[in-house]
Amino acid sequence: MNKSIDFGILTAVPKEMASYYESCQNSEIRKIGTVEYTVGTLCGKKVALVSVGWGTTCTAAVMTHLIENFEPKGIFFSGTAGGISSMLHQGDVIIG
């Protein structure tokens, strides 16, 4: 099995992943240990989608798991980042 993907996409909660699931083509669920990934194609790139839960510790653990199992070229964290600033609006892109 070729485990290599182009990108990993993580969110804190499953609701934030909904638009990615809808856009992902040829997707399949892969459960590795206790982590469940949706692997498929998004905009012509092979991706692994996963909700990591709340907090930096959980995020770091799942991200490490994703890197070890899929060897992505890059990782994106997508979500609301609630409470950053009232000047931000839904759909804004924030790069840290």
Protein backbone atom coordinates (compact mmCIF):
# COMPACT_ATOMS: atom_id res chain seq x y z
CA MET A 1 0.00 0.00 0.00
CA ASN A 2 1.33 3.43 -0.97
CA LYS A 3 0.80 5.48 2.14
CA SER A 4 2.18 8.75 0.79
CA ILE A 5 -0.22 11.69 0.40
CA ASP A 6 0.20 15.26 -0.78
CA PHE A 7 -1.42 17.00 2.20
CA GLY A 8 -2.94 16.39 5.59
CA ILE A 9 -5.86 18.61 6.57
CA LEU A 10 -6.77 18.83 10.25
CA THR A 11 -9.62 20.55 12.07
CA ALA A 12 -10.55 20.71 15.74
CA VAL A 13 -14.12 19.44 15.32
CA PRO A 14 -15.85 17.33 12.64
CA LYS A 15 -18.32 20.12 11.76
CA GLU A 16 -15.41 22.20 10.47
CA MET A 17 -14.47 19.35 8.13
CA ALA A 18 -17.89 19.12 6.42
CA SER A 19 -17.03 21.10 3.28
CA TYR A 20 -13.82 19.09 2.81
CA TYR A 21 -15.74 15.80 3.08
CA GLU A 22 -18.26 17.03 0.50
CA SER A 23 -15.51 18.07 -1.95
CA CYS A 24 -13.29 15.00 -1.47
CA GLN A 25 -13.47 12.53 -4.34
CA ASN A 26 -12.80 8.78 -4.28
CA SER A 27 -12.67 8.91 -0.50
CA GLU A 28 -12.32 5.99 1.86
CA ILE A 29 -12.14 5.71 5.62
CA ARG A 30 -8.87 4.37 7.04
CA LYS A 31 -8.70 3.61 10.73
CA ILE A 32 -5.17 3.33 12.06
CA GLY A 33 -5.12 2.52 15.76
CA THR A 34 -7.72 4.80 17.32
CA VAL A 35 -7.50 7.53 14.65
CA GLU A 36 -9.92 7.57 11.72
CA TYR A 37 -8.84 9.32 8.52
CA THR A 38 -10.76 10.11 5.37
CA VAL A 39 -8.34 9.65 2.47
CA GLY A 40 -9.19 10.82 -1.02
CA THR A 41 -8.57 13.43 -3.69
CA LEU A 42 -9.19 17.14 -3.25
CA CYS A 43 -8.41 19.57 -6.11
CA GLY A 44 -6.29 16.88 -7.76
CA LYS A 45 -4.18 16.24 -4.66
CA LYS A 46 -4.23 13.13 -2.46
CA VAL A 47 -5.24 14.17 1.05
CA ALA A 48 -5.93 12.72 4.49
CA LEU A 49 -8.63 14.52 6.47
CA VAL A 50 -8.90 14.20 10.24
CA SER A 51 -10.57 15.98 13.16
CA VAL A 52 -8.13 16.23 16.03
CA GLY A 53 -10.25 17.39 18.96
CA TRP A 54 -9.57 20.34 21.23
CA GLY A 55 -6.19 21.44 22.49
CA THR A 56 -2.60 21.54 21.41
CA THR A 57 -1.67 18.21 22.99
CA CYS A 58 -4.33 16.29 21.07
CA THR A 59 -3.47 18.17 17.88
CA ALA A 60 0.24 17.39 18.24
CA ALA A 61 -0.46 13.70 18.87
CA VAL A 62 -2.75 13.28 15.85
CA MET A 63 -0.45 15.35 13.61
CA THR A 64 2.50 13.15 14.58
CA HIS A 65 0.39 10.06 13.87
CA LEU A 66 -0.59 11.46 10.45
CA ILE A 67 3.04 12.25 9.56
CA GLU A 68 4.26 8.79 10.59
CA ASN A 69 1.51 6.97 8.69
CA PHE A 70 1.05 9.06 5.54
CA GLU A 71 4.26 11.08 5.03
CA PRO A 72 2.49 14.23 3.73
CA LYS A 73 4.33 16.94 1.81
CA GLY A 74 2.48 19.53 3.91
CA ILE A 75 -0.16 19.91 6.61
CA PHE A 76 -2.93 22.48 6.95
CA PHE A 77 -4.98 23.21 10.03
CA SER A 78 -8.37 24.60 9.14
CA GLY A 79 -10.93 25.94 11.55
CA THR A 80 -12.52 28.80 13.34
CA ALA A 81 -9.78 29.69 15.82
CA GLY A 82 -12.58 31.16 17.91
CA GLY A 83 -12.10 34.47 19.61
CA ILE A 84 -9.04 35.74 17.74
CA SER A 85 -10.39 39.16 16.85
CA SER A 86 -13.73 40.79 16.18
CA MET A 87 -12.14 42.31 13.04
CA LEU A 88 -12.00 38.88 11.38
CA HIS A 89 -14.88 37.47 9.37
CA GLN A 90 -16.00 34.04 8.27
CA GLY A 91 -13.97 32.98 5.25
CA ASP A 92 -10.92 35.10 6.14
CA VAL A 93 -7.62 33.30 5.69
CA ILE A 94 -5.21 33.64 8.61
CA ILE A 95 -1.61 32.54 8.15
CA GLY A 96 0.40 32.09 11.33
